[in-house]
Amino acid sequence: MDHKREVEPPVDPLQTAMLAELRAAHIRARLLQADIEALGIALRHGLITAAQALVALRDLGMPTMLDVGSRPGDTWAMRELPNVK
């Protein structure tokens, strides 16, 4: 005998839209995690340099500790990054 209860779908359109947005955000987060893990593997195995990994993280929109000082007026910066595409 199956004792599962069927869950009523939400009737509020905003709630329905938010549930869809949350599902999409969850998928985007998992894809971002996979990209970050792939960068770590590539760096560990010498397929990319540390500078290339940093540029790739920036391309993904991820701030890093190495970004500290990259704003005008900061006293420390890693300004000499190659333009890796």
N, C-alpha and C. Protein backbone atom coordinates (compact mmCIF):
# COMPACT_ATOMS: atom_id res chain seq x y z
N MET A 1 0.82 -1.17 0.00
CA MET A 1 0.00 0.00 0.00
C MET A 1 0.88 1.25 0.00
N ASP A 2 0.56 2.19 -0.86
CA ASP A 2 1.32 3.43 -0.96
C ASP A 2 0.68 4.50 -0.08
N HIS A 3 1.44 4.98 0.90
CA HIS A 3 0.91 5.95 1.84
C HIS A 3 1.37 7.38 1.53
N LYS A 4 1.85 7.61 0.31
CA LYS A 4 2.30 8.95 -0.04
C LYS A 4 1.11 9.88 -0.21
N ARG A 5 1.27 11.06 0.36
CA ARG A 5 0.24 12.09 0.18
C ARG A 5 0.57 12.89 -1.05
N GLU A 6 -0.43 13.23 -1.80
CA GLU A 6 -0.19 14.12 -2.93
C GLU A 6 -0.18 15.54 -2.42
N VAL A 7 0.81 16.29 -2.83
CA VAL A 7 0.94 17.68 -2.40
C VAL A 7 0.15 18.54 -3.37
N GLU A 8 -0.66 19.39 -2.80
CA GLU A 8 -1.46 20.30 -3.63
C GLU A 8 -0.54 21.32 -4.29
N PRO A 9 -0.70 21.57 -5.58
CA PRO A 9 0.11 22.61 -6.21
C PRO A 9 -0.29 23.98 -5.68
N PRO A 10 0.67 24.89 -5.60
CA PRO A 10 0.34 26.22 -5.08
C PRO A 10 -0.63 26.93 -6.02
N VAL A 11 -1.53 27.68 -5.45
CA VAL A 11 -2.50 28.39 -6.26
C VAL A 11 -2.10 29.86 -6.46
N ASP A 12 -1.20 30.35 -5.64
CA ASP A 12 -0.73 31.73 -5.77
C ASP A 12 0.24 31.81 -6.94
N PRO A 13 -0.02 32.64 -7.95
CA PRO A 13 0.87 32.73 -9.11
C PRO A 13 2.28 33.18 -8.73
N LEU A 14 2.41 34.07 -7.75
CA LEU A 14 3.73 34.51 -7.32
C LEU A 14 4.49 33.35 -6.69
N GLN A 15 3.80 32.55 -5.88
CA GLN A 15 4.44 31.40 -5.26
C GLN A 15 4.88 30.40 -6.33
N THR A 16 4.05 30.18 -7.33
CA THR A 16 4.39 29.27 -8.44
C THR A 16 5.64 29.77 -9.16
N ALA A 17 5.67 31.08 -9.45
CA ALA A 17 6.82 31.66 -10.13
C ALA A 17 8.07 31.57 -9.27
N MET A 18 7.94 31.84 -7.97
CA MET A 18 9.11 31.78 -7.08
C MET A 18 9.65 30.36 -6.96
N LEU A 19 8.76 29.38 -6.91
CA LEU A 19 9.23 27.99 -6.86
C LEU A 19 10.01 27.64 -8.12
N ALA A 20 9.54 28.11 -9.27
CA ALA A 20 10.27 27.88 -10.52
C ALA A 20 11.61 28.59 -10.51
N GLU A 21 11.65 29.84 -10.01
CA GLU A 21 12.90 30.58 -9.90
C GLU A 21 13.90 29.88 -8.98
N LEU A 22 13.41 29.36 -7.87
CA LEU A 22 14.29 28.65 -6.93
C LEU A 22 14.85 27.38 -7.54
N ARG A 23 14.02 26.66 -8.29
CA ARG A 23 14.53 25.46 -8.97
C ARG A 23 15.61 25.84 -9.99
N ALA A 24 15.38 26.90 -10.75
CA ALA A 24 16.36 27.34 -11.74
C ALA A 24 17.65 27.82 -11.06
N ALA A 25 17.52 28.56 -9.95
CA ALA A 25 18.71 29.03 -9.22
C ALA A 25 19.51 27.85 -8.68
N HIS A 26 18.82 26.82 -8.23
CA HIS A 26 19.50 25.63 -7.72
C HIS A 26 20.31 24.96 -8.84
N ILE A 27 19.74 24.88 -10.01
CA ILE A 27 20.45 24.28 -11.15
C ILE A 27 21.65 25.14 -11.55
N ARG A 28 21.47 26.48 -11.58
CA ARG A 28 22.60 27.36 -11.91
C ARG A 28 23.72 27.22 -10.88
N ALA A 29 23.37 27.09 -9.61
CA ALA A 29 24.38 26.93 -8.56
C ALA A 29 25.15 25.63 -8.74
N ARG A 30 24.46 24.57 -9.11
CA ARG A 30 25.15 23.29 -9.32
C ARG A 30 26.07 23.35 -10.54
N LEU A 31 25.64 24.06 -11.59
CA LEU A 31 26.50 24.23 -12.77
C LEU A 31 27.74 25.05 -12.42
N LEU A 32 27.57 26.10 -11.63
CA LEU A 32 28.69 26.92 -11.19
C LEU A 32 29.65 26.09 -10.35
N GLN A 33 29.12 25.27 -9.47
CA GLN A 33 29.96 24.39 -8.65
C GLN A 33 30.77 23.45 -9.54
N ALA A 34 30.15 22.89 -10.57
CA ALA A 34 30.85 21.98 -11.47
C ALA A 34 31.97 22.72 -12.21
N ASP A 35 31.71 23.97 -12.63
CA ASP A 35 32.74 24.75 -13.31
C ASP A 35 33.92 25.02 -12.38
N ILE A 36 33.64 25.36 -11.13
CA ILE A 36 34.71 25.64 -10.17
C ILE A 36 35.51 24.37 -9.89
N GLU A 37 34.85 23.25 -9.74
CA GLU A 37 35.56 21.99 -9.52
C GLU A 37 36.42 21.63 -10.72
N ALA A 38 35.92 21.87 -11.93
CA ALA A 38 36.70 21.59 -13.14
C ALA A 38 37.94 22.47 -13.21
N LEU A 39 37.82 23.73 -12.79
CA LEU A 39 39.00 24.60 -12.76
C LEU A 39 40.04 24.08 -11.78
N GLY A 40 39.60 23.62 -10.62
CA GLY A 40 40.54 23.07 -9.64
C GLY A 40 41.25 21.83 -10.17
N ILE A 41 40.53 20.97 -10.84
CA ILE A 41 41.14 19.76 -11.41
C ILE A 41 42.13 20.13 -12.49
N ALA A 42 41.74 21.06 -13.37
CA ALA A 42 42.64 21.48 -14.46
C ALA A 42 43.90 22.11 -13.90
N LEU A 43 43.77 22.95 -12.87
CA LEU A 43 44.93 23.59 -12.26
C LEU A 43 45.82 22.56 -11.58
N ARG A 44 45.21 21.66 -10.84
CA ARG A 44 45.97 20.63 -10.13
C ARG A 44 46.79 19.75 -11.07
N HIS A 45 46.25 19.49 -12.26
CA HIS A 45 46.92 18.60 -13.21
C HIS A 45 47.74 19.35 -14.26
N GLY A 46 47.91 20.65 -14.06
CA GLY A 46 48.78 21.43 -14.92
C GLY A 46 48.20 21.75 -16.29
N LEU A 47 46.90 21.64 -16.45
CA LEU A 47 46.29 21.94 -17.74
C LEU A 47 46.08 23.44 -17.95
N ILE A 48 46.01 24.18 -16.85
CA ILE A 48 45.93 25.64 -16.89
C ILE A 48 46.85 26.20 -15.83
N THR A 49 47.21 27.47 -15.99
CA THR A 49 48.04 28.14 -14.99
C THR A 49 47.15 28.75 -13.92
N ALA A 50 47.79 29.19 -12.83
CA ALA A 50 47.04 29.85 -11.76
C ALA A 50 46.40 31.14 -12.28
N ALA A 51 47.11 31.87 -13.13
CA ALA A 51 46.56 33.11 -13.69
C ALA A 51 45.34 32.80 -14.57
N GLN A 52 45.41 31.73 -15.34
CA GLN A 52 44.26 31.35 -16.18
C GLN A 52 43.06 30.95 -15.31
N ALA A 53 43.33 30.26 -14.21
CA ALA A 53 42.26 29.87 -13.30
C ALA A 53 41.61 31.10 -12.68
N LEU A 54 42.43 32.09 -12.32
CA LEU A 54 41.91 33.32 -11.74
C LEU A 54 41.04 34.07 -12.74
N VAL A 55 41.50 34.16 -13.98
CA VAL A 55 40.72 34.83 -15.02
C VAL A 55 39.40 34.07 -15.25
N ALA A 56 39.46 32.75 -15.25
CA ALA A 56 38.24 31.95 -15.45
C ALA A 56 37.26 32.17 -14.31
N LEU A 57 37.76 32.24 -13.08
CA LEU A 57 36.88 32.53 -11.94
C LEU A 57 36.22 33.89 -12.08
N ARG A 58 37.00 34.87 -12.52
CA ARG A 58 36.44 36.20 -12.73
C ARG A 58 35.37 36.15 -13.84
N ASP A 59 35.63 35.38 -14.88
CA ASP A 59 34.65 35.23 -15.97
C ASP A 59 33.36 34.61 -15.47
N LEU A 60 33.48 33.75 -14.46
CA LEU A 60 32.29 33.14 -13.86
C LEU A 60 31.58 34.09 -12.89
N GLY A 61 32.22 35.24 -12.64
CA GLY A 61 31.63 36.20 -11.71
C GLY A 61 31.91 35.91 -10.26
N MET A 62 32.93 35.12 -10.00
CA MET A 62 33.27 34.74 -8.63
C MET A 62 34.37 35.66 -8.09
N PRO A 63 34.10 36.35 -6.99
CA PRO A 63 35.16 37.15 -6.36
C PRO A 63 36.16 36.22 -5.68
N THR A 64 37.40 36.65 -5.62
CA THR A 64 38.43 35.85 -4.95
C THR A 64 39.19 36.73 -3.97
N MET A 65 39.97 36.10 -3.13
CA MET A 65 40.82 36.86 -2.21
C MET A 65 41.85 37.67 -2.98
N LEU A 66 42.20 37.24 -4.19
CA LEU A 66 43.18 37.98 -4.98
C LEU A 66 42.58 39.24 -5.60
N ASP A 67 41.27 39.39 -5.52
CA ASP A 67 40.63 40.62 -6.01
C ASP A 67 40.76 41.76 -5.00
N VAL A 68 41.14 41.43 -3.77
CA VAL A 68 41.34 42.48 -2.76
C VAL A 68 42.45 43.39 -3.26
N GLY A 69 42.18 44.67 -3.22
CA GLY A 69 43.18 45.62 -3.68
C GLY A 69 43.05 45.98 -5.15
N SER A 70 42.08 45.44 -5.83
CA SER A 70 41.95 45.72 -7.26
C SER A 70 41.11 46.97 -7.53
N ARG A 71 40.61 47.58 -6.48
CA ARG A 71 39.82 48.79 -6.65
C ARG A 71 40.73 50.02 -6.56
N PRO A 72 40.35 51.10 -7.23
CA PRO A 72 41.18 52.32 -7.15
C PRO A 72 41.38 52.75 -5.70
N GLY A 73 42.60 53.10 -5.36
CA GLY A 73 42.91 53.54 -4.01
C GLY A 73 43.41 52.44 -3.11
N ASP A 74 43.23 51.17 -3.49
CA ASP A 74 43.75 50.08 -2.68
C ASP A 74 45.27 50.03 -2.85
N THR A 75 45.95 49.57 -1.82
CA THR A 75 47.41 49.61 -1.85
C THR A 75 48.04 48.35 -2.42
N TRP A 76 47.28 47.29 -2.55
CA TRP A 76 47.83 46.04 -3.08
C TRP A 76 46.92 45.55 -4.18
N ALA A 77 47.49 45.09 -5.25
CA ALA A 77 46.66 44.55 -6.33
C ALA A 77 47.47 43.58 -7.16
N MET A 78 46.80 42.63 -7.74
CA MET A 78 47.40 41.71 -8.70
C MET A 78 47.03 42.26 -10.07
N ARG A 79 47.70 43.29 -10.49
CA ARG A 79 47.33 44.00 -11.71
C ARG A 79 47.94 43.39 -12.97
N GLU A 80 48.95 42.59 -12.82
CA GLU A 80 49.68 42.08 -13.97
C GLU A 80 49.16 40.74 -14.44
N LEU A 81 47.85 40.63 -14.60
CA LEU A 81 47.28 39.39 -15.10
C LEU A 81 47.29 39.37 -16.61
N PRO A 82 47.60 38.23 -17.20
CA PRO A 82 47.57 38.16 -18.67
C PRO A 82 46.12 38.19 -19.16
N ASN A 83 45.95 38.64 -20.36
CA ASN A 83 44.63 38.60 -20.99
C ASN A 83 44.43 37.24 -21.60
N VAL A 84 43.90 36.34 -20.82
CA VAL A 84 43.69 34.96 -21.26
C VAL A 84 42.24 34.81 -21.65
N LYS A 85 41.99 34.36 -22.82
CA LYS A 85 40.61 34.14 -23.27
C LYS A 85 40.44 32.73 -23.76
